[in-house]
């Protein structure tokens, strides 16, 4: 475990932010901050969660992975 304030505190979040930076923020520019915020929202909600494959999920998108998980869980 890392010290307070370093990348090891939350490696998953740091990895996610790095993905947003490399796949979106460093490739494009927007005229306003609001346009950039909407682009980040769209990236997360439309692309990252619905279509982008993740190796930790068996190369499924998070949405498909969650749907499959909940379809196998018995309702008690």
PDB file of N, CA and C in Angstrom:
ATOM      1  N   UNK A   1       0.850  -1.170   0.000  1.00  0.00           N
ATOM      2  CA  UNK A   1       0.000   0.000   0.000  1.00  0.00           C
ATOM      3  C   UNK A   1       0.894   1.232   0.000  1.00  0.00           C
ATOM      4  N   UNK A   2       0.514   2.229  -0.767  1.00  0.00           N
ATOM      5  CA  UNK A   2       1.322   3.434  -0.880  1.00  0.00           C
ATOM      6  C   UNK A   2       1.035   4.428   0.218  1.00  0.00           C
ATOM      7  N   UNK A   3       1.790   5.474   0.193  1.00  0.00           N
ATOM      8  CA  UNK A   3       1.580   6.541   1.171  1.00  0.00           C
ATOM      9  C   UNK A   3       0.415   7.426   0.720  1.00  0.00           C
ATOM     10  N   UNK A   4      -0.060   8.244   1.616  1.00  0.00           N
ATOM     11  CA  UNK A   4      -1.197   9.108   1.315  1.00  0.00           C
ATOM     12  C   UNK A   4      -0.856  10.028   0.153  1.00  0.00           C
ATOM     13  N   UNK A   5      -1.764  10.083  -0.815  1.00  0.00           N
ATOM     14  CA  UNK A   5      -1.594  11.000  -1.928  1.00  0.00           C
ATOM     15  C   UNK A   5      -0.826  10.463  -3.118  1.00  0.00           C
ATOM     16  N   UNK A   6      -0.448   9.196  -3.129  1.00  0.00           N
ATOM     17  CA  UNK A   6       0.231   8.686  -4.314  1.00  0.00           C
ATOM     18  C   UNK A   6      -0.699   7.771  -5.114  1.00  0.00           C
ATOM     19  N   UNK A   7      -0.238   7.358  -6.271  1.00  0.00           N
ATOM     20  CA  UNK A   7      -1.073   6.597  -7.197  1.00  0.00           C
ATOM     21  C   UNK A   7      -1.509   5.246  -6.652  1.00  0.00           C
ATOM     22  N   UNK A   8      -0.815   4.705  -5.674  1.00  0.00           N
ATOM     23  CA  UNK A   8      -1.174   3.394  -5.154  1.00  0.00           C
ATOM     24  C   UNK A   8      -2.387   3.450  -4.229  1.00  0.00           C
ATOM     25  N   UNK A   9      -2.807   4.651  -3.824  1.00  0.00           N
ATOM     26  CA  UNK A   9      -4.002   4.774  -2.991  1.00  0.00           C
ATOM     27  C   UNK A   9      -5.223   4.246  -3.717  1.00  0.00           C
ATOM     28  N   UNK A  10      -5.317   4.500  -5.000  1.00  0.00           N
ATOM     29  CA  UNK A  10      -6.469   4.066  -5.766  1.00  0.00           C
ATOM     30  C   UNK A  10      -6.032   3.788  -7.199  1.00  0.00           C
ATOM     31  N   UNK A  11      -5.394   2.662  -7.392  1.00  0.00           N
ATOM     32  CA  UNK A  11      -4.822   2.323  -8.692  1.00  0.00           C
ATOM     33  C   UNK A  11      -5.885   2.217  -9.776  1.00  0.00           C
ATOM     34  N   UNK A  12      -7.063   1.684  -9.447  1.00  0.00           N
ATOM     35  CA  UNK A  12      -8.122   1.547 -10.449  1.00  0.00           C
ATOM     36  C   UNK A  12      -8.581   2.916 -10.949  1.00  0.00           C
ATOM     37  N   UNK A  13      -8.775   3.849 -10.044  1.00  0.00           N
ATOM     38  CA  UNK A  13      -9.196   5.197 -10.441  1.00  0.00           C
ATOM     39  C   UNK A  13      -8.106   5.887 -11.253  1.00  0.00           C
ATOM     40  N   UNK A  14      -6.852   5.719 -10.850  1.00  0.00           N
ATOM     41  CA  UNK A  14      -5.744   6.320 -11.588  1.00  0.00           C
ATOM     42  C   UNK A  14      -5.675   5.754 -13.002  1.00  0.00           C
ATOM     43  N   UNK A  15      -5.898   4.461 -13.146  1.00  0.00           N
ATOM     44  CA  UNK A  15      -5.892   3.831 -14.458  1.00  0.00           C
ATOM     45  C   UNK A  15      -7.032   4.359 -15.324  1.00  0.00           C
ATOM     46  N   UNK A  16      -8.198   4.511 -14.727  1.00  0.00           N
ATOM     47  CA  UNK A  16      -9.366   5.027 -15.439  1.00  0.00           C
ATOM     48  C   UNK A  16      -9.119   6.454 -15.932  1.00  0.00           C
ATOM     49  N   UNK A  17      -8.581   7.300 -15.077  1.00  0.00           N
ATOM     50  CA  UNK A  17      -8.280   8.686 -15.460  1.00  0.00           C
ATOM     51  C   UNK A  17      -7.228   8.714 -16.568  1.00  0.00           C
ATOM     52  N   UNK A  18      -6.234   7.841 -16.479  1.00  0.00           N
ATOM     53  CA  UNK A  18      -5.210   7.772 -17.526  1.00  0.00           C
ATOM     54  C   UNK A  18      -5.832   7.378 -18.863  1.00  0.00           C
ATOM     55  N   UNK A  19      -6.811   6.477 -18.834  1.00  0.00           N
ATOM     56  CA  UNK A  19      -7.506   6.079 -20.058  1.00  0.00           C
ATOM     57  C   UNK A  19      -8.256   7.259 -20.659  1.00  0.00           C
ATOM     58  N   UNK A  20      -8.975   8.002 -19.836  1.00  0.00           N
ATOM     59  CA  UNK A  20      -9.704   9.176 -20.328  1.00  0.00           C
ATOM     60  C   UNK A  20      -8.730  10.186 -20.942  1.00  0.00           C
ATOM     61  N   UNK A  21      -7.613  10.397 -20.283  1.00  0.00           N
ATOM     62  CA  UNK A  21      -6.627  11.351 -20.804  1.00  0.00           C
ATOM     63  C   UNK A  21      -6.058  10.891 -22.139  1.00  0.00           C
ATOM     64  N   UNK A  22      -5.633   9.625 -22.219  1.00  0.00           N
ATOM     65  CA  UNK A  22      -4.963   9.160 -23.432  1.00  0.00           C
ATOM     66  C   UNK A  22      -5.923   8.939 -24.594  1.00  0.00           C
ATOM     67  N   UNK A  23      -7.147   8.484 -24.318  1.00  0.00           N
ATOM     68  CA  UNK A  23      -8.076   8.175 -25.396  1.00  0.00           C
ATOM     69  C   UNK A  23      -8.997   9.333 -25.770  1.00  0.00           C
ATOM     70  N   UNK A  24      -9.052  10.367 -24.950  1.00  0.00           N
ATOM     71  CA  UNK A  24      -9.967  11.468 -25.243  1.00  0.00           C
ATOM     72  C   UNK A  24      -9.310  12.837 -25.100  1.00  0.00           C
ATOM     73  N   UNK A  25      -8.891  13.180 -23.906  1.00  0.00           N
ATOM     74  CA  UNK A  25      -8.471  14.558 -23.628  1.00  0.00           C
ATOM     75  C   UNK A  25      -7.221  14.991 -24.379  1.00  0.00           C
ATOM     76  N   UNK A  26      -6.284  14.083 -24.604  1.00  0.00           N
ATOM     77  CA  UNK A  26      -5.051  14.453 -25.304  1.00  0.00           C
ATOM     78  C   UNK A  26      -5.198  14.399 -26.823  1.00  0.00           C
ATOM     79  N   UNK A  27      -6.339  13.934 -27.311  1.00  0.00           N
ATOM     80  CA  UNK A  27      -6.553  13.819 -28.753  1.00  0.00           C
ATOM     81  C   UNK A  27      -7.378  14.959 -29.347  1.00  0.00           C
ATOM     82  N   UNK A  28      -8.184  15.602 -28.529  1.00  0.00           N
ATOM     83  CA  UNK A  28      -9.119  16.606 -29.030  1.00  0.00           C
ATOM     84  C   UNK A  28      -9.038  17.875 -28.190  1.00  0.00           C
ATOM     85  N   UNK A  29      -9.617  18.936 -28.713  1.00  0.00           N
ATOM     86  CA  UNK A  29      -9.766  20.166 -27.927  1.00  0.00           C
ATOM     87  C   UNK A  29     -11.195  20.664 -28.112  1.00  0.00           C
ATOM     88  N   UNK A  30     -11.677  21.389 -27.124  1.00  0.00           N
ATOM     89  CA  UNK A  30     -13.047  21.889 -27.126  1.00  0.00           C
ATOM     90  C   UNK A  30     -13.037  23.394 -26.879  1.00  0.00           C
ATOM     91  N   UNK A  31     -14.021  24.099 -27.446  1.00  0.00           N
ATOM     92  CA  UNK A  31     -14.037  25.553 -27.288  1.00  0.00           C
ATOM     93  C   UNK A  31     -14.356  26.021 -25.868  1.00  0.00           C
ATOM     94  N   UNK A  32     -15.107  25.216 -25.125  1.00  0.00           N
ATOM     95  CA  UNK A  32     -15.465  25.622 -23.761  1.00  0.00           C
ATOM     96  C   UNK A  32     -15.268  24.462 -22.796  1.00  0.00           C
ATOM     97  N   UNK A  33     -15.204  24.790 -21.525  1.00  0.00           N
ATOM     98  CA  UNK A  33     -15.088  23.764 -20.485  1.00  0.00           C
ATOM     99  C   UNK A  33     -16.323  22.866 -20.493  1.00  0.00           C
ATOM    100  N   UNK A  34     -17.507  23.452 -20.695  1.00  0.00           N
ATOM    101  CA  UNK A  34     -18.738  22.669 -20.727  1.00  0.00           C
ATOM    102  C   UNK A  34     -18.703  21.645 -21.858  1.00  0.00           C
ATOM    103  N   UNK A  35     -18.186  22.027 -23.016  1.00  0.00           N
ATOM    104  CA  UNK A  35     -18.053  21.085 -24.126  1.00  0.00           C
ATOM    105  C   UNK A  35     -17.127  19.932 -23.749  1.00  0.00           C
ATOM    106  N   UNK A  36     -16.044  20.232 -23.058  1.00  0.00           N
ATOM    107  CA  UNK A  36     -15.117  19.186 -22.612  1.00  0.00           C
ATOM    108  C   UNK A  36     -15.785  18.271 -21.593  1.00  0.00           C
ATOM    109  N   UNK A  37     -16.540  18.854 -20.657  1.00  0.00           N
ATOM    110  CA  UNK A  37     -17.235  18.041 -19.657  1.00  0.00           C
ATOM    111  C   UNK A  37     -18.259  17.121 -20.312  1.00  0.00           C
ATOM    112  N   UNK A  38     -18.983  17.624 -21.303  1.00  0.00           N
ATOM    113  CA  UNK A  38     -19.952  16.791 -22.017  1.00  0.00           C
ATOM    114  C   UNK A  38     -19.255  15.677 -22.794  1.00  0.00           C
ATOM    115  N   UNK A  39     -18.091  15.969 -23.351  1.00  0.00           N
ATOM    116  CA  UNK A  39     -17.331  14.940 -24.070  1.00  0.00           C
ATOM    117  C   UNK A  39     -16.871  13.840 -23.118  1.00  0.00           C
ATOM    118  N   UNK A  40     -16.437  14.212 -21.919  1.00  0.00           N
ATOM    119  CA  UNK A  40     -16.023  13.213 -20.924  1.00  0.00           C
ATOM    120  C   UNK A  40     -17.226  12.376 -20.504  1.00  0.00           C
ATOM    121  N   UNK A  41     -18.369  13.013 -20.251  1.00  0.00           N
ATOM    122  CA  UNK A  41     -19.581  12.281 -19.891  1.00  0.00           C
ATOM    123  C   UNK A  41     -19.950  11.290 -20.986  1.00  0.00           C
ATOM    124  N   UNK A  42     -19.948  11.760 -22.231  1.00  0.00           N
ATOM    125  CA  UNK A  42     -20.274  10.897 -23.364  1.00  0.00           C
ATOM    126  C   UNK A  42     -19.285   9.740 -23.469  1.00  0.00           C
ATOM    127  N   UNK A  43     -18.008  10.020 -23.290  1.00  0.00           N
ATOM    128  CA  UNK A  43     -16.986   8.976 -23.352  1.00  0.00           C
ATOM    129  C   UNK A  43     -17.259   7.888 -22.320  1.00  0.00           C
ATOM    130  N   UNK A  44     -17.590   8.297 -21.100  1.00  0.00           N
ATOM    131  CA  UNK A  44     -17.812   7.329 -20.023  1.00  0.00           C
ATOM    132  C   UNK A  44     -19.113   6.567 -20.236  1.00  0.00           C
ATOM    133  N   UNK A  45     -20.207   7.283 -20.430  1.00  0.00           N
ATOM    134  CA  UNK A  45     -21.528   6.653 -20.467  1.00  0.00           C
ATOM    135  C   UNK A  45     -21.838   5.934 -21.771  1.00  0.00           C
ATOM    136  N   UNK A  46     -21.331   6.431 -22.890  1.00  0.00           N
ATOM    137  CA  UNK A  46     -21.655   5.823 -24.178  1.00  0.00           C
ATOM    138  C   UNK A  46     -20.579   4.844 -24.630  1.00  0.00           C
ATOM    139  N   UNK A  47     -19.330   5.237 -24.534  1.00  0.00           N
ATOM    140  CA  UNK A  47     -18.264   4.372 -25.044  1.00  0.00           C
ATOM    141  C   UNK A  47     -17.680   3.453 -23.978  1.00  0.00           C
ATOM    142  N   UNK A  48     -17.163   4.013 -22.913  1.00  0.00           N
ATOM    143  CA  UNK A  48     -16.409   3.235 -21.926  1.00  0.00           C
ATOM    144  C   UNK A  48     -17.268   2.163 -21.259  1.00  0.00           C
ATOM    145  N   UNK A  49     -18.475   2.500 -20.836  1.00  0.00           N
ATOM    146  CA  UNK A  49     -19.325   1.544 -20.127  1.00  0.00           C
ATOM    147  C   UNK A  49     -20.089   0.606 -21.045  1.00  0.00           C
ATOM    148  N   UNK A  50     -20.388   1.031 -22.263  1.00  0.00           N
ATOM    149  CA  UNK A  50     -21.243   0.223 -23.136  1.00  0.00           C
ATOM    150  C   UNK A  50     -20.498  -0.548 -24.206  1.00  0.00           C
ATOM    151  N   UNK A  51     -19.406   0.017 -24.732  1.00  0.00           N
ATOM    152  CA  UNK A  51     -18.757  -0.624 -25.876  1.00  0.00           C
ATOM    153  C   UNK A  51     -17.315  -1.039 -25.644  1.00  0.00           C
ATOM    154  N   UNK A  52     -16.568  -0.287 -24.865  1.00  0.00           N
ATOM    155  CA  UNK A  52     -15.139  -0.584 -24.710  1.00  0.00           C
ATOM    156  C   UNK A  52     -14.951  -1.892 -23.958  1.00  0.00           C
ATOM    157  N   UNK A  53     -14.147  -2.773 -24.519  1.00  0.00           N
ATOM    158  CA  UNK A  53     -13.888  -4.060 -23.876  1.00  0.00           C
ATOM    159  C   UNK A  53     -12.825  -3.899 -22.803  1.00  0.00           C
ATOM    160  N   UNK A  54     -12.974  -4.671 -21.735  1.00  0.00           N
ATOM    161  CA  UNK A  54     -12.048  -4.610 -20.613  1.00  0.00           C
ATOM    162  C   UNK A  54     -11.472  -6.001 -20.368  1.00  0.00           C
ATOM    163  N   UNK A  55     -10.163  -6.096 -20.298  1.00  0.00           N
ATOM    164  CA  UNK A  55      -9.522  -7.401 -20.116  1.00  0.00           C
ATOM    165  C   UNK A  55      -9.898  -8.041 -18.793  1.00  0.00           C
ATOM    166  N   UNK A  56     -10.155  -7.243 -17.769  1.00  0.00           N
ATOM    167  CA  UNK A  56     -10.524  -7.816 -16.471  1.00  0.00           C
ATOM    168  C   UNK A  56     -11.928  -8.402 -16.482  1.00  0.00           C
ATOM    169  N   UNK A  57     -12.729  -8.070 -17.491  1.00  0.00           N
ATOM    170  CA  UNK A  57     -14.086  -8.603 -17.614  1.00  0.00           C
ATOM    171  C   UNK A  57     -14.187  -9.654 -18.709  1.00  0.00           C
ATOM    172  N   UNK A  58     -13.103 -10.305 -19.024  1.00  0.00           N
ATOM    173  CA  UNK A  58     -13.123 -11.298 -20.087  1.00  0.00           C
ATOM    174  C   UNK A  58     -13.381 -10.677 -21.453  1.00  0.00           C
ATOM    175  N   UNK A  59     -12.865  -9.483 -21.672  1.00  0.00           N
ATOM    176  CA  UNK A  59     -13.012  -8.714 -22.907  1.00  0.00           C
ATOM    177  C   UNK A  59     -14.467  -8.385 -23.233  1.00  0.00           C
ATOM    178  N   UNK A  60     -15.271  -8.177 -22.197  1.00  0.00           N
ATOM    179  CA  UNK A  60     -16.645  -7.709 -22.342  1.00  0.00           C
ATOM    180  C   UNK A  60     -16.707  -6.256 -21.887  1.00  0.00           C
ATOM    181  N   UNK A  61     -17.697  -5.539 -22.395  1.00  0.00           N
ATOM    182  CA  UNK A  61     -17.906  -4.186 -21.879  1.00  0.00           C
ATOM    183  C   UNK A  61     -18.462  -4.307 -20.465  1.00  0.00           C
ATOM    184  N   UNK A  62     -18.291  -3.286 -19.630  1.00  0.00           N
ATOM    185  CA  UNK A  62     -18.845  -3.351 -18.276  1.00  0.00           C
ATOM    186  C   UNK A  62     -20.354  -3.597 -18.273  1.00  0.00           C
ATOM    187  N   UNK A  63     -21.071  -3.017 -19.227  1.00  0.00           N
ATOM    188  CA  UNK A  63     -22.517  -3.190 -19.273  1.00  0.00           C
ATOM    189  C   UNK A  63     -22.889  -4.645 -19.559  1.00  0.00           C
ATOM    190  N   UNK A  64     -22.244  -5.271 -20.537  1.00  0.00           N
ATOM    191  CA  UNK A  64     -22.522  -6.672 -20.866  1.00  0.00           C
ATOM    192  C   UNK A  64     -22.104  -7.574 -19.714  1.00  0.00           C
ATOM    193  N   UNK A  65     -20.961  -7.291 -19.115  1.00  0.00           N
ATOM    194  CA  UNK A  65     -20.496  -8.087 -17.975  1.00  0.00           C
ATOM    195  C   UNK A  65     -21.520  -8.052 -16.847  1.00  0.00           C
ATOM    196  N   UNK A  66     -22.024  -6.864 -16.527  1.00  0.00           N
ATOM    197  CA  UNK A  66     -23.007  -6.735 -15.448  1.00  0.00           C
ATOM    198  C   UNK A  66     -24.318  -7.430 -15.802  1.00  0.00           C
ATOM    199  N   UNK A  67     -24.767  -7.301 -17.054  1.00  0.00           N
ATOM    200  CA  UNK A  67     -25.995  -7.982 -17.475  1.00  0.00           C
ATOM    201  C   UNK A  67     -25.856  -9.492 -17.330  1.00  0.00           C
ATOM    202  N   UNK A  68     -24.723 -10.032 -17.739  1.00  0.00           N
ATOM    203  CA  UNK A  68     -24.503 -11.483 -17.599  1.00  0.00           C
ATOM    204  C   UNK A  68     -24.438 -11.898 -16.141  1.00  0.00           C
ATOM    205  N   UNK A  69     -23.794 -11.084 -15.330  1.00  0.00           N
ATOM    206  CA  UNK A  69     -23.712 -11.398 -13.904  1.00  0.00           C
ATOM    207  C   UNK A  69     -25.106 -11.480 -13.293  1.00  0.00           C
ATOM    208  N   UNK A  70     -25.915 -10.443 -13.518  1.00  0.00           N
ATOM    209  CA  UNK A  70     -27.242 -10.405 -12.898  1.00  0.00           C
ATOM    210  C   UNK A  70     -28.170 -11.461 -13.471  1.00  0.00           C
ATOM    211  N   UNK A  71     -27.945 -11.924 -14.697  1.00  0.00           N
ATOM    212  CA  UNK A  71     -28.800 -12.979 -15.254  1.00  0.00           C
ATOM    213  C   UNK A  71     -28.503 -14.335 -14.628  1.00  0.00           C
ATOM    214  N   UNK A  72     -27.326 -14.480 -14.005  1.00  0.00           N
ATOM    215  CA  UNK A  72     -26.979 -15.755 -13.371  1.00  0.00           C
ATOM    216  C   UNK A  72     -27.255 -15.775 -11.875  1.00  0.00           C
ATOM    217  N   UNK A  73     -27.527 -14.618 -11.296  1.00  0.00           N
ATOM    218  CA  UNK A  73     -27.786 -14.536  -9.857  1.00  0.00           C
ATOM    219  C   UNK A  73     -29.243 -14.899  -9.605  1.00  0.00           C
ATOM    220  N   UNK A  74     -29.451 -15.785  -8.660  1.00  0.00           N
ATOM    221  CA  UNK A  74     -30.821 -16.180  -8.322  1.00  0.00           C
ATOM    222  C   UNK A  74     -31.472 -15.109  -7.469  1.00  0.00           C
ATOM    223  N   UNK A  75     -32.721 -14.868  -7.764  1.00  0.00           N
ATOM    224  CA  UNK A  75     -33.490 -13.923  -6.957  1.00  0.00           C
ATOM    225  C   UNK A  75     -34.015 -14.675  -5.753  1.00  0.00           C
ATOM    226  N   UNK A  76     -33.727 -14.151  -4.540  1.00  0.00           N
ATOM    227  CA  UNK A  76     -34.165 -14.875  -3.345  1.00  0.00           C
ATOM    228  C   UNK A  76     -35.447 -14.319  -2.792  1.00  0.00           C
TER     229      UNK A  76
END
